[in-house]
N, C-alpha and C. Protein backbone atom coordinates (compact mmCIF):
# COMPACT_ATOMS: atom_id res chain seq x y z
N MET A 1 2.32 -1.10 -28.80
CA MET A 1 1.15 -1.62 -28.12
C MET A 1 0.80 -3.02 -28.63
N VAL A 2 0.86 -3.17 -29.95
CA VAL A 2 0.54 -4.45 -30.58
C VAL A 2 1.55 -5.51 -30.14
N LYS A 3 2.85 -5.12 -30.12
CA LYS A 3 3.89 -6.05 -29.71
C LYS A 3 3.69 -6.50 -28.26
N ALA A 4 3.28 -5.56 -27.43
CA ALA A 4 3.06 -5.88 -26.02
C ALA A 4 1.90 -6.86 -25.86
N LEU A 5 0.84 -6.65 -26.65
CA LEU A 5 -0.31 -7.55 -26.59
C LEU A 5 0.05 -8.95 -27.07
N LYS A 6 0.90 -9.01 -28.09
CA LYS A 6 1.34 -10.31 -28.61
C LYS A 6 2.14 -11.07 -27.55
N LYS A 7 3.00 -10.34 -26.84
CA LYS A 7 3.80 -10.97 -25.79
C LYS A 7 2.91 -11.50 -24.67
N ILE A 8 1.89 -10.70 -24.32
CA ILE A 8 0.97 -11.12 -23.28
C ILE A 8 0.19 -12.36 -23.72
N LEU A 9 -0.24 -12.36 -24.97
CA LEU A 9 -0.99 -13.50 -25.51
C LEU A 9 -0.14 -14.77 -25.52
N LYS A 10 1.11 -14.62 -25.93
CA LYS A 10 2.02 -15.78 -25.93
C LYS A 10 2.22 -16.32 -24.52
N ALA A 11 2.36 -15.40 -23.56
CA ALA A 11 2.56 -15.81 -22.18
C ALA A 11 1.34 -16.56 -21.64
N VAL A 12 0.15 -16.06 -21.99
CA VAL A 12 -1.09 -16.70 -21.55
C VAL A 12 -1.22 -18.09 -22.18
N LEU A 13 -0.92 -18.18 -23.47
CA LEU A 13 -1.01 -19.47 -24.16
C LEU A 13 -0.03 -20.48 -23.57
N PHE A 14 1.17 -20.00 -23.23
CA PHE A 14 2.17 -20.87 -22.63
C PHE A 14 1.69 -21.40 -21.29
N LEU A 15 1.09 -20.51 -20.49
CA LEU A 15 0.58 -20.93 -19.18
C LEU A 15 -0.56 -21.93 -19.33
N LEU A 16 -1.37 -21.75 -20.37
CA LEU A 16 -2.47 -22.69 -20.61
C LEU A 16 -1.98 -24.04 -21.08
N LEU A 17 -0.85 -24.04 -21.78
CA LEU A 17 -0.31 -25.29 -22.30
C LEU A 17 0.23 -26.19 -21.18
N ILE A 18 0.68 -25.59 -20.09
CA ILE A 18 1.25 -26.38 -18.99
C ILE A 18 0.23 -27.37 -18.42
N PRO A 19 -0.97 -26.93 -18.00
CA PRO A 19 -1.92 -27.91 -17.47
C PRO A 19 -2.41 -28.90 -18.53
N VAL A 20 -2.51 -28.44 -19.79
CA VAL A 20 -2.92 -29.33 -20.86
C VAL A 20 -1.89 -30.44 -21.06
N ALA A 21 -0.62 -30.06 -21.06
CA ALA A 21 0.46 -31.04 -21.21
C ALA A 21 0.48 -32.00 -20.03
N TYR A 22 0.26 -31.46 -18.83
CA TYR A 22 0.23 -32.29 -17.62
C TYR A 22 -0.87 -33.34 -17.72
N LEU A 23 -2.04 -32.93 -18.16
CA LEU A 23 -3.16 -33.85 -18.28
C LEU A 23 -2.91 -34.91 -19.35
N LEU A 24 -2.35 -34.49 -20.48
CA LEU A 24 -2.07 -35.44 -21.56
C LEU A 24 -1.06 -36.50 -21.12
N ILE A 25 -0.01 -36.05 -20.45
CA ILE A 25 1.01 -36.99 -19.95
C ILE A 25 0.40 -37.91 -18.90
N SER A 26 -0.42 -37.34 -18.02
CA SER A 26 -1.05 -38.13 -16.95
C SER A 26 -1.93 -39.23 -17.53
N PHE A 27 -2.81 -38.87 -18.46
CA PHE A 27 -3.72 -39.85 -19.03
C PHE A 27 -2.98 -40.91 -19.84
N THR A 28 -1.91 -40.52 -20.49
CA THR A 28 -1.13 -41.49 -21.26
C THR A 28 -0.46 -42.50 -20.35
N MET A 29 0.18 -42.01 -19.29
CA MET A 29 0.92 -42.91 -18.39
C MET A 29 0.01 -43.75 -17.52
N MET A 30 -1.17 -43.24 -17.18
CA MET A 30 -2.04 -44.02 -16.31
C MET A 30 -2.63 -45.23 -17.03
N TRP A 31 -2.71 -45.15 -18.37
CA TRP A 31 -3.26 -46.29 -19.11
C TRP A 31 -2.23 -47.38 -19.35
N ILE A 32 -0.95 -47.07 -19.13
CA ILE A 32 0.11 -48.08 -19.26
C ILE A 32 0.14 -48.92 -17.99
N THR A 33 -0.07 -50.21 -18.14
CA THR A 33 -0.15 -51.09 -16.98
C THR A 33 1.21 -51.69 -16.65
N VAL A 34 1.56 -51.62 -15.37
CA VAL A 34 2.78 -52.24 -14.84
C VAL A 34 2.36 -53.48 -14.05
N ASN A 35 3.13 -54.55 -14.17
CA ASN A 35 2.83 -55.83 -13.51
C ASN A 35 1.50 -56.41 -14.00
N GLY A 36 1.16 -56.10 -15.25
CA GLY A 36 -0.09 -56.61 -15.81
C GLY A 36 -0.06 -58.11 -16.04
N ASP A 37 1.13 -58.67 -16.17
CA ASP A 37 1.26 -60.11 -16.38
C ASP A 37 1.48 -60.85 -15.07
N ARG A 38 1.19 -60.17 -13.95
CA ARG A 38 1.33 -60.78 -12.62
C ARG A 38 0.46 -62.04 -12.53
N PRO A 39 1.06 -63.18 -12.18
CA PRO A 39 0.28 -64.41 -12.06
C PRO A 39 -0.66 -64.35 -10.87
N ALA A 40 -1.70 -65.15 -10.91
CA ALA A 40 -2.63 -65.19 -9.77
C ALA A 40 -1.86 -65.59 -8.52
N PRO A 41 -1.94 -64.80 -7.45
CA PRO A 41 -1.13 -65.07 -6.27
C PRO A 41 -1.63 -66.26 -5.47
N ASP A 42 -0.75 -66.82 -4.66
CA ASP A 42 -1.18 -67.82 -3.69
C ASP A 42 -2.16 -67.14 -2.74
N PRO A 43 -3.22 -67.82 -2.35
CA PRO A 43 -4.26 -67.19 -1.50
C PRO A 43 -3.78 -66.99 -0.07
N PHE A 44 -2.78 -66.10 0.11
CA PHE A 44 -2.25 -65.87 1.45
C PHE A 44 -3.12 -64.88 2.22
N GLY A 45 -3.60 -63.84 1.53
CA GLY A 45 -4.42 -62.83 2.18
C GLY A 45 -4.91 -61.80 1.18
N SER A 46 -5.45 -60.70 1.66
CA SER A 46 -5.97 -59.64 0.80
C SER A 46 -5.65 -58.28 1.40
N VAL A 47 -5.47 -57.31 0.52
CA VAL A 47 -5.45 -55.90 0.90
C VAL A 47 -6.59 -55.24 0.16
N PHE A 48 -6.86 -53.97 0.46
CA PHE A 48 -7.99 -53.29 -0.15
C PHE A 48 -7.56 -51.92 -0.65
N LEU A 49 -8.17 -51.52 -1.75
CA LEU A 49 -7.93 -50.20 -2.32
C LEU A 49 -9.19 -49.37 -2.11
N THR A 50 -9.03 -48.16 -1.61
CA THR A 50 -10.18 -47.31 -1.35
C THR A 50 -9.91 -45.90 -1.85
N THR A 51 -10.98 -45.17 -2.10
CA THR A 51 -10.87 -43.77 -2.51
C THR A 51 -12.06 -43.00 -1.97
N ASN A 52 -11.84 -41.72 -1.66
CA ASN A 52 -12.94 -40.85 -1.27
C ASN A 52 -13.43 -40.04 -2.46
N GLY A 53 -12.99 -40.44 -3.66
CA GLY A 53 -13.34 -39.73 -4.87
C GLY A 53 -12.20 -38.89 -5.40
N VAL A 54 -11.18 -38.69 -4.54
CA VAL A 54 -10.00 -37.91 -4.93
C VAL A 54 -8.72 -38.60 -4.47
N HIS A 55 -8.71 -39.03 -3.20
CA HIS A 55 -7.51 -39.59 -2.59
C HIS A 55 -7.61 -41.10 -2.43
N LEU A 56 -6.59 -41.82 -2.89
CA LEU A 56 -6.52 -43.26 -2.70
C LEU A 56 -5.99 -43.60 -1.31
N GLY A 57 -6.34 -44.79 -0.84
CA GLY A 57 -5.80 -45.29 0.40
C GLY A 57 -5.58 -46.79 0.30
N ILE A 58 -4.61 -47.30 1.07
CA ILE A 58 -4.34 -48.73 1.13
C ILE A 58 -4.87 -49.25 2.46
N VAL A 59 -5.76 -50.24 2.41
CA VAL A 59 -6.37 -50.77 3.62
C VAL A 59 -5.83 -52.17 3.89
N ILE A 60 -5.39 -52.39 5.14
CA ILE A 60 -4.86 -53.69 5.53
C ILE A 60 -5.51 -54.13 6.83
N HIS A 61 -5.91 -55.40 6.88
CA HIS A 61 -6.47 -55.95 8.12
C HIS A 61 -5.35 -56.08 9.14
N GLU A 62 -5.70 -55.94 10.42
CA GLU A 62 -4.71 -55.99 11.49
C GLU A 62 -3.88 -57.28 11.45
N GLU A 63 -4.50 -58.39 11.03
CA GLU A 63 -3.79 -59.66 10.99
C GLU A 63 -2.81 -59.75 9.83
N GLN A 64 -2.97 -58.84 8.83
CA GLN A 64 -2.07 -58.83 7.68
C GLN A 64 -0.96 -57.79 7.82
N MET A 65 -0.95 -57.07 8.94
CA MET A 65 0.08 -56.08 9.19
C MET A 65 1.20 -56.70 10.00
N ASP A 66 2.45 -56.44 9.59
CA ASP A 66 3.55 -56.99 10.38
C ASP A 66 3.74 -56.14 11.65
N SER A 67 4.52 -56.69 12.58
CA SER A 67 4.66 -56.05 13.89
C SER A 67 5.31 -54.68 13.82
N LEU A 68 6.22 -54.48 12.86
CA LEU A 68 6.90 -53.19 12.74
C LEU A 68 5.95 -52.10 12.25
N LEU A 69 5.08 -52.45 11.32
CA LEU A 69 4.12 -51.47 10.81
C LEU A 69 3.07 -51.13 11.86
N SER A 70 2.57 -52.11 12.56
CA SER A 70 1.51 -51.86 13.54
C SER A 70 2.02 -51.22 14.83
N ALA A 71 3.33 -51.37 15.10
CA ALA A 71 3.89 -50.82 16.35
C ALA A 71 3.74 -49.31 16.40
N GLY A 72 3.23 -48.81 17.51
CA GLY A 72 3.12 -47.37 17.72
C GLY A 72 1.92 -46.71 17.09
N LEU A 73 1.06 -47.49 16.43
CA LEU A 73 -0.14 -46.91 15.83
C LEU A 73 -1.25 -46.87 16.88
N LYS A 74 -1.94 -45.77 16.95
CA LYS A 74 -3.07 -45.64 17.86
C LYS A 74 -4.17 -46.60 17.41
N LYS A 75 -4.73 -47.34 18.35
CA LYS A 75 -5.68 -48.39 17.97
C LYS A 75 -6.64 -48.66 19.12
N GLY A 76 -7.93 -48.78 18.77
CA GLY A 76 -8.95 -49.11 19.75
C GLY A 76 -9.23 -50.60 19.76
N PRO A 77 -9.97 -51.09 20.75
CA PRO A 77 -10.23 -52.53 20.87
C PRO A 77 -11.05 -53.12 19.73
N ASP A 78 -11.85 -52.29 19.05
CA ASP A 78 -12.68 -52.81 17.96
C ASP A 78 -12.15 -52.44 16.57
N ASP A 79 -10.95 -51.89 16.51
CA ASP A 79 -10.37 -51.51 15.21
C ASP A 79 -9.73 -52.73 14.56
N ARG A 80 -10.19 -53.06 13.37
CA ARG A 80 -9.71 -54.25 12.67
C ARG A 80 -8.96 -53.92 11.38
N TYR A 81 -9.34 -52.84 10.73
CA TYR A 81 -8.73 -52.47 9.46
C TYR A 81 -8.08 -51.09 9.58
N MET A 82 -6.95 -50.94 8.91
CA MET A 82 -6.24 -49.65 8.89
C MET A 82 -6.10 -49.18 7.45
N SER A 83 -6.52 -47.94 7.20
CA SER A 83 -6.36 -47.33 5.88
C SER A 83 -5.22 -46.34 5.94
N PHE A 84 -4.27 -46.47 5.00
CA PHE A 84 -3.09 -45.60 4.98
C PHE A 84 -3.10 -44.69 3.75
N GLY A 85 -2.94 -43.40 3.99
CA GLY A 85 -2.82 -42.44 2.90
C GLY A 85 -1.65 -41.51 3.20
N TRP A 86 -1.15 -40.84 2.19
CA TRP A 86 0.01 -39.96 2.36
C TRP A 86 -0.29 -38.64 1.64
N GLY A 87 0.14 -37.52 2.23
CA GLY A 87 -0.12 -36.25 1.57
C GLY A 87 0.56 -35.07 2.24
N ASP A 88 0.30 -33.89 1.69
CA ASP A 88 0.88 -32.64 2.17
C ASP A 88 0.34 -32.29 3.55
N GLU A 89 1.25 -31.93 4.46
CA GLU A 89 0.85 -31.64 5.84
C GLU A 89 -0.10 -30.45 5.93
N ASN A 90 0.24 -29.35 5.29
CA ASN A 90 -0.60 -28.16 5.35
C ASN A 90 -1.98 -28.43 4.76
N PHE A 91 -2.00 -29.17 3.65
CA PHE A 91 -3.28 -29.47 3.01
C PHE A 91 -4.13 -30.37 3.90
N TYR A 92 -3.52 -31.41 4.46
CA TYR A 92 -4.25 -32.32 5.34
C TYR A 92 -4.86 -31.58 6.53
N LEU A 93 -4.06 -30.77 7.21
CA LEU A 93 -4.50 -30.16 8.45
C LEU A 93 -5.44 -28.98 8.26
N ASN A 94 -5.30 -28.28 7.14
CA ASN A 94 -6.11 -27.06 6.94
C ASN A 94 -7.21 -27.22 5.90
N THR A 95 -7.34 -28.42 5.33
CA THR A 95 -8.41 -28.65 4.35
C THR A 95 -9.12 -29.96 4.69
N PRO A 96 -9.81 -30.01 5.82
CA PRO A 96 -10.50 -31.25 6.20
C PRO A 96 -11.62 -31.63 5.24
N THR A 97 -12.25 -30.63 4.59
CA THR A 97 -13.27 -30.89 3.58
C THR A 97 -12.99 -30.01 2.38
N TRP A 98 -13.59 -30.35 1.24
CA TRP A 98 -13.34 -29.57 0.02
C TRP A 98 -13.87 -28.14 0.14
N SER A 99 -14.83 -27.92 1.05
CA SER A 99 -15.33 -26.55 1.25
C SER A 99 -14.27 -25.67 1.92
N ASP A 100 -13.26 -26.32 2.53
CA ASP A 100 -12.18 -25.57 3.18
C ASP A 100 -11.01 -25.28 2.24
N LEU A 101 -11.11 -25.78 1.02
CA LEU A 101 -10.00 -25.61 0.07
C LEU A 101 -9.85 -24.14 -0.33
N THR A 102 -8.62 -23.66 -0.26
CA THR A 102 -8.32 -22.30 -0.72
C THR A 102 -7.29 -22.37 -1.83
N PHE A 103 -7.24 -21.34 -2.63
CA PHE A 103 -6.28 -21.29 -3.74
C PHE A 103 -4.85 -21.37 -3.20
N ALA A 104 -4.59 -20.68 -2.10
CA ALA A 104 -3.25 -20.66 -1.52
C ALA A 104 -2.81 -22.05 -1.07
N ASN A 105 -3.71 -22.79 -0.41
CA ASN A 105 -3.37 -24.14 0.04
C ASN A 105 -3.12 -25.07 -1.13
N ALA A 106 -3.92 -24.94 -2.18
CA ALA A 106 -3.75 -25.78 -3.36
C ALA A 106 -2.41 -25.52 -4.04
N VAL A 107 -2.06 -24.24 -4.18
CA VAL A 107 -0.78 -23.88 -4.82
C VAL A 107 0.40 -24.36 -3.98
N LYS A 108 0.32 -24.20 -2.67
CA LYS A 108 1.40 -24.64 -1.79
C LYS A 108 1.60 -26.15 -1.89
N ALA A 109 0.49 -26.89 -1.93
CA ALA A 109 0.58 -28.35 -1.98
C ALA A 109 1.23 -28.82 -3.27
N LEU A 110 0.93 -28.16 -4.38
CA LEU A 110 1.40 -28.60 -5.69
C LEU A 110 2.79 -28.10 -6.05
N PHE A 111 3.13 -26.90 -5.61
CA PHE A 111 4.35 -26.27 -6.12
C PHE A 111 5.41 -25.94 -5.07
N VAL A 112 5.07 -26.02 -3.79
CA VAL A 112 6.02 -25.65 -2.75
C VAL A 112 6.37 -26.89 -1.92
N LYS A 113 7.66 -27.18 -1.80
CA LYS A 113 8.08 -28.32 -0.99
C LYS A 113 7.71 -28.08 0.46
N SER A 114 7.05 -29.07 1.04
CA SER A 114 6.60 -28.92 2.42
C SER A 114 6.54 -30.29 3.08
N PRO A 115 6.46 -30.32 4.42
CA PRO A 115 6.40 -31.60 5.14
C PRO A 115 5.15 -32.39 4.75
N THR A 116 5.22 -33.69 4.96
CA THR A 116 4.09 -34.56 4.63
C THR A 116 3.68 -35.40 5.83
N LEU A 117 2.49 -35.97 5.73
CA LEU A 117 1.94 -36.79 6.80
C LEU A 117 1.38 -38.09 6.24
N ILE A 118 1.31 -39.09 7.10
CA ILE A 118 0.56 -40.30 6.79
C ILE A 118 -0.76 -40.21 7.54
N HIS A 119 -1.83 -40.42 6.82
CA HIS A 119 -3.17 -40.38 7.41
C HIS A 119 -3.64 -41.81 7.63
N VAL A 120 -3.89 -42.17 8.87
CA VAL A 120 -4.33 -43.52 9.21
C VAL A 120 -5.76 -43.45 9.74
N THR A 121 -6.64 -44.19 9.07
CA THR A 121 -8.04 -44.26 9.50
C THR A 121 -8.35 -45.69 9.91
N ARG A 122 -9.02 -45.85 11.04
CA ARG A 122 -9.30 -47.17 11.60
C ARG A 122 -10.77 -47.53 11.40
N TYR A 123 -11.00 -48.79 11.04
CA TYR A 123 -12.36 -49.27 10.80
C TYR A 123 -12.60 -50.57 11.57
N PRO A 124 -13.79 -50.74 12.13
CA PRO A 124 -14.10 -52.00 12.82
C PRO A 124 -14.53 -53.10 11.85
N ASN A 125 -15.06 -52.70 10.69
CA ASN A 125 -15.61 -53.68 9.75
C ASN A 125 -15.19 -53.39 8.31
N LEU A 126 -15.32 -54.41 7.49
CA LEU A 126 -15.07 -54.28 6.06
C LEU A 126 -16.10 -53.32 5.46
N GLN A 127 -15.64 -52.43 4.56
CA GLN A 127 -16.53 -51.46 3.92
C GLN A 127 -16.85 -51.89 2.48
N ASN A 128 -18.10 -51.72 2.09
CA ASN A 128 -18.53 -52.17 0.76
C ASN A 128 -17.81 -51.46 -0.38
N ARG A 129 -17.39 -50.24 -0.15
CA ARG A 129 -16.79 -49.46 -1.24
C ARG A 129 -15.33 -49.86 -1.52
N TRP A 130 -14.74 -50.66 -0.65
CA TRP A 130 -13.35 -51.06 -0.84
C TRP A 130 -13.24 -52.10 -1.95
N VAL A 131 -12.13 -52.07 -2.67
CA VAL A 131 -11.85 -53.06 -3.70
C VAL A 131 -10.86 -54.07 -3.13
N GLU A 132 -11.25 -55.33 -3.09
CA GLU A 132 -10.38 -56.36 -2.52
C GLU A 132 -9.36 -56.83 -3.54
N ILE A 133 -8.11 -56.97 -3.09
CA ILE A 133 -7.03 -57.40 -3.96
C ILE A 133 -6.28 -58.56 -3.28
N PRO A 134 -6.45 -59.79 -3.78
CA PRO A 134 -5.71 -60.92 -3.21
C PRO A 134 -4.22 -60.72 -3.42
N VAL A 135 -3.44 -61.08 -2.41
CA VAL A 135 -1.99 -60.90 -2.48
C VAL A 135 -1.27 -62.14 -1.99
N SER A 136 -0.05 -62.31 -2.48
CA SER A 136 0.81 -63.39 -1.99
C SER A 136 1.51 -62.92 -0.73
N LYS A 137 2.19 -63.83 -0.07
CA LYS A 137 2.92 -63.47 1.15
C LYS A 137 4.01 -62.45 0.84
N ALA A 138 4.73 -62.65 -0.27
CA ALA A 138 5.82 -61.73 -0.64
C ALA A 138 5.27 -60.35 -0.96
N GLU A 139 4.15 -60.28 -1.68
CA GLU A 139 3.56 -58.99 -2.04
C GLU A 139 3.10 -58.24 -0.79
N LEU A 140 2.50 -58.97 0.14
CA LEU A 140 2.02 -58.36 1.38
C LEU A 140 3.20 -57.83 2.20
N GLU A 141 4.26 -58.59 2.28
CA GLU A 141 5.44 -58.16 3.02
C GLU A 141 6.05 -56.90 2.41
N GLN A 142 6.11 -56.86 1.09
CA GLN A 142 6.68 -55.70 0.41
C GLN A 142 5.81 -54.46 0.61
N LEU A 143 4.49 -54.65 0.60
CA LEU A 143 3.59 -53.52 0.81
C LEU A 143 3.69 -53.00 2.25
N ASN A 144 3.78 -53.91 3.21
CA ASN A 144 4.00 -53.51 4.60
C ASN A 144 5.28 -52.70 4.74
N ALA A 145 6.34 -53.17 4.09
CA ALA A 145 7.64 -52.50 4.19
C ALA A 145 7.60 -51.13 3.54
N TYR A 146 6.87 -51.01 2.42
CA TYR A 146 6.76 -49.73 1.71
C TYR A 146 6.07 -48.69 2.60
N ILE A 147 4.96 -49.07 3.20
CA ILE A 147 4.23 -48.14 4.06
C ILE A 147 5.08 -47.74 5.27
N LEU A 148 5.71 -48.74 5.89
CA LEU A 148 6.54 -48.46 7.05
C LEU A 148 7.67 -47.49 6.72
N ALA A 149 8.28 -47.67 5.54
CA ALA A 149 9.41 -46.82 5.14
C ALA A 149 9.01 -45.37 4.93
N THR A 150 7.71 -45.08 4.80
CA THR A 150 7.25 -43.72 4.59
C THR A 150 7.10 -42.95 5.90
N PHE A 151 6.95 -43.65 7.01
CA PHE A 151 6.86 -42.98 8.30
C PHE A 151 8.19 -42.32 8.65
N ALA A 152 8.13 -41.09 9.12
CA ALA A 152 9.32 -40.41 9.62
C ALA A 152 9.47 -40.78 11.09
N LEU A 153 10.43 -41.62 11.41
CA LEU A 153 10.59 -42.11 12.77
C LEU A 153 11.41 -41.14 13.61
N SER A 154 11.17 -41.16 14.90
CA SER A 154 11.93 -40.32 15.84
C SER A 154 13.32 -40.91 16.04
N GLU A 155 14.14 -40.24 16.82
CA GLU A 155 15.48 -40.74 17.11
C GLU A 155 15.43 -42.09 17.82
N ASN A 156 14.33 -42.34 18.50
CA ASN A 156 14.15 -43.62 19.19
C ASN A 156 13.52 -44.68 18.30
N GLY A 157 13.33 -44.33 17.01
CA GLY A 157 12.75 -45.29 16.08
C GLY A 157 11.26 -45.45 16.21
N GLU A 158 10.57 -44.44 16.76
CA GLU A 158 9.13 -44.53 16.97
C GLU A 158 8.39 -43.61 16.00
N LYS A 159 7.17 -43.98 15.66
CA LYS A 159 6.32 -43.15 14.81
C LYS A 159 5.91 -41.91 15.58
N THR A 160 5.79 -40.79 14.87
CA THR A 160 5.47 -39.51 15.52
C THR A 160 4.01 -39.15 15.25
N LEU A 161 3.18 -39.31 16.27
CA LEU A 161 1.75 -39.00 16.18
C LEU A 161 1.52 -37.52 16.44
N LEU A 162 0.66 -36.90 15.62
CA LEU A 162 0.25 -35.52 15.86
C LEU A 162 -1.01 -35.57 16.73
N GLU A 163 -0.84 -35.34 18.00
CA GLU A 163 -1.94 -35.46 18.95
C GLU A 163 -3.07 -34.49 18.63
N GLY A 164 -4.30 -35.02 18.63
CA GLY A 164 -5.48 -34.19 18.46
C GLY A 164 -5.72 -33.61 17.09
N GLU A 165 -5.03 -34.13 16.06
CA GLU A 165 -5.16 -33.56 14.72
C GLU A 165 -6.04 -34.38 13.78
N GLY A 166 -6.61 -35.47 14.25
CA GLY A 166 -7.48 -36.26 13.38
C GLY A 166 -8.80 -35.55 13.10
N TYR A 167 -9.46 -35.93 12.02
CA TYR A 167 -10.76 -35.33 11.68
C TYR A 167 -11.87 -35.88 12.57
N THR A 168 -11.73 -37.17 12.96
CA THR A 168 -12.74 -37.83 13.78
C THR A 168 -12.03 -38.60 14.89
N MET A 169 -12.81 -39.39 15.64
CA MET A 169 -12.23 -40.22 16.69
C MET A 169 -11.53 -41.45 16.12
N ARG A 170 -11.67 -41.68 14.81
CA ARG A 170 -11.12 -42.90 14.21
C ARG A 170 -9.97 -42.65 13.24
N ASP A 171 -9.42 -41.46 13.21
CA ASP A 171 -8.29 -41.24 12.30
C ASP A 171 -7.23 -40.38 12.96
N ASP A 172 -5.99 -40.55 12.49
CA ASP A 172 -4.85 -39.85 13.07
C ASP A 172 -3.84 -39.51 11.98
N PHE A 173 -2.97 -38.57 12.30
CA PHE A 173 -1.89 -38.18 11.40
C PHE A 173 -0.54 -38.47 12.05
N TYR A 174 0.40 -38.95 11.23
CA TYR A 174 1.76 -39.23 11.68
C TYR A 174 2.74 -38.55 10.73
N LYS A 175 3.87 -38.12 11.27
CA LYS A 175 4.90 -37.49 10.46
C LYS A 175 5.39 -38.48 9.40
N ALA A 176 5.63 -37.95 8.19
CA ALA A 176 6.05 -38.81 7.08
C ALA A 176 7.28 -38.26 6.39
N LYS A 177 7.86 -39.11 5.56
CA LYS A 177 9.01 -38.72 4.74
C LYS A 177 8.51 -38.23 3.38
N GLY A 178 9.35 -37.43 2.71
CA GLY A 178 9.05 -37.02 1.35
C GLY A 178 8.33 -35.69 1.26
N ASN A 179 8.26 -35.18 0.03
CA ASN A 179 7.58 -33.91 -0.25
C ASN A 179 6.48 -34.13 -1.28
N TYR A 180 5.36 -33.49 -1.05
CA TYR A 180 4.23 -33.56 -1.97
C TYR A 180 4.47 -32.55 -3.09
N THR A 181 4.35 -33.00 -4.35
CA THR A 181 4.52 -32.10 -5.48
C THR A 181 3.49 -32.44 -6.56
N LEU A 182 3.56 -31.70 -7.61
CA LEU A 182 2.69 -31.93 -8.76
C LEU A 182 2.90 -33.31 -9.36
N PHE A 183 4.10 -33.85 -9.15
CA PHE A 183 4.46 -35.14 -9.75
C PHE A 183 4.48 -36.28 -8.74
N LYS A 184 4.37 -35.94 -7.46
CA LYS A 184 4.30 -36.95 -6.42
C LYS A 184 3.13 -36.62 -5.52
N THR A 185 1.99 -37.15 -5.86
CA THR A 185 0.75 -36.85 -5.14
C THR A 185 0.39 -38.01 -4.21
N CYS A 186 -0.71 -37.83 -3.49
CA CYS A 186 -1.19 -38.90 -2.62
C CYS A 186 -1.48 -40.17 -3.41
N ASN A 187 -1.92 -40.00 -4.64
CA ASN A 187 -2.26 -41.15 -5.48
C ASN A 187 -1.04 -41.81 -6.11
N THR A 188 -0.02 -41.03 -6.42
CA THR A 188 1.21 -41.65 -6.93
C THR A 188 1.88 -42.44 -5.81
N TRP A 189 1.72 -42.00 -4.56
CA TRP A 189 2.29 -42.74 -3.44
C TRP A 189 1.68 -44.14 -3.36
N VAL A 190 0.37 -44.23 -3.46
CA VAL A 190 -0.30 -45.54 -3.43
C VAL A 190 0.11 -46.36 -4.65
N ASN A 191 0.09 -45.73 -5.81
CA ASN A 191 0.44 -46.43 -7.04
C ASN A 191 1.87 -46.98 -7.00
N THR A 192 2.79 -46.18 -6.47
CA THR A 192 4.18 -46.61 -6.35
C THR A 192 4.29 -47.80 -5.40
N GLY A 193 3.53 -47.77 -4.32
CA GLY A 193 3.53 -48.90 -3.38
C GLY A 193 3.08 -50.18 -4.04
N PHE A 194 2.07 -50.09 -4.90
CA PHE A 194 1.60 -51.27 -5.63
C PHE A 194 2.66 -51.74 -6.61
N LYS A 195 3.25 -50.80 -7.34
CA LYS A 195 4.30 -51.16 -8.31
C LYS A 195 5.45 -51.89 -7.63
N GLN A 196 5.95 -51.33 -6.54
CA GLN A 196 7.10 -51.90 -5.87
C GLN A 196 6.79 -53.23 -5.19
N SER A 197 5.50 -53.47 -4.92
CA SER A 197 5.10 -54.72 -4.29
C SER A 197 4.77 -55.80 -5.30
N GLY A 198 4.84 -55.46 -6.58
CA GLY A 198 4.54 -56.44 -7.62
C GLY A 198 3.08 -56.53 -7.99
N LEU A 199 2.26 -55.60 -7.47
CA LEU A 199 0.84 -55.58 -7.77
C LEU A 199 0.58 -54.78 -9.05
N LYS A 200 -0.51 -55.08 -9.70
CA LYS A 200 -0.88 -54.36 -10.92
C LYS A 200 -1.04 -52.88 -10.61
N ALA A 201 -0.46 -52.04 -11.46
CA ALA A 201 -0.47 -50.61 -11.20
C ALA A 201 -0.34 -49.83 -12.50
N CYS A 202 -0.46 -48.52 -12.40
CA CYS A 202 -0.22 -47.63 -13.54
C CYS A 202 1.27 -47.35 -13.64
N TYR A 203 1.72 -46.98 -14.83
CA TYR A 203 3.10 -46.55 -14.97
C TYR A 203 3.33 -45.32 -14.08
N TRP A 204 2.35 -44.43 -14.08
CA TRP A 204 2.34 -43.26 -13.20
C TRP A 204 0.95 -42.65 -13.25
N THR A 205 0.44 -42.21 -12.13
CA THR A 205 -0.85 -41.53 -12.13
C THR A 205 -0.96 -40.58 -10.95
N PRO A 206 -1.33 -39.33 -11.19
CA PRO A 206 -1.56 -38.40 -10.10
C PRO A 206 -3.01 -38.44 -9.62
N PHE A 207 -3.86 -39.22 -10.32
CA PHE A 207 -5.29 -39.25 -10.02
C PHE A 207 -5.70 -40.61 -9.47
N ASP A 208 -6.78 -40.64 -8.70
CA ASP A 208 -7.22 -41.89 -8.08
C ASP A 208 -7.79 -42.87 -9.09
N PHE A 209 -8.51 -42.39 -10.09
CA PHE A 209 -9.22 -43.29 -10.99
C PHE A 209 -8.28 -44.09 -11.89
N GLY A 210 -7.03 -43.63 -12.06
CA GLY A 210 -6.09 -44.39 -12.87
C GLY A 210 -5.86 -45.77 -12.31
N LEU A 211 -5.56 -45.86 -11.02
CA LEU A 211 -5.32 -47.15 -10.39
C LEU A 211 -6.61 -47.91 -10.14
N MET A 212 -7.66 -47.22 -9.77
CA MET A 212 -8.93 -47.89 -9.51
C MET A 212 -9.41 -48.66 -10.73
N LYS A 213 -9.21 -48.10 -11.91
CA LYS A 213 -9.68 -48.75 -13.14
C LYS A 213 -8.92 -50.04 -13.44
N LYS A 214 -7.72 -50.17 -12.88
CA LYS A 214 -6.95 -51.40 -13.08
C LYS A 214 -7.62 -52.60 -12.38
N TYR A 215 -8.50 -52.29 -11.45
CA TYR A 215 -9.11 -53.37 -10.65
C TYR A 215 -10.63 -53.44 -10.84
N GLU A 216 -11.12 -52.86 -11.89
CA GLU A 216 -12.55 -52.94 -12.17
C GLU A 216 -12.90 -54.31 -12.75
């Protein structure tokens, strides 16, 4: 009986160590800055970093989007800014608010490979909560290319819109490439885009505040 209890205790402790180790690694890597010595860019334009408190998004003005990225995106006459986010398909579609979050959906998103979506939200005006980031022409081009490369295109090379699946009249979901995991979250997607574009970023971060703090 004692031996059985010891085995159970060891198993419980091991399971508890996993999230602790994950958090320690996350906090360590998010404080390591990549492209921290990036010189002040030529004043070509700006992109914006946004968060809803959990999920990061990349916001680009319509004039700063290249034709390939903007092609096939649903857009109204007064839409000027586009916010791009990436995440697990099941989580996006079945958890529109945190009150809809279930244990099963959370586990599936973190541990089970599943299809992903790009979430595009359209805005007519600049939002106060966005963080403005000046970019050079090369950085903007690389960021455009990174976002475009995440869309899962059809055989005809077109973006695949999920009709009627947006939360409001101003947002939509498109089929995306990649799988959402514990190590590749919506926030690591944004952070990786910044890294690859030469923008200041974390070495790695699964959380939104890691990258946001780089621009405080």
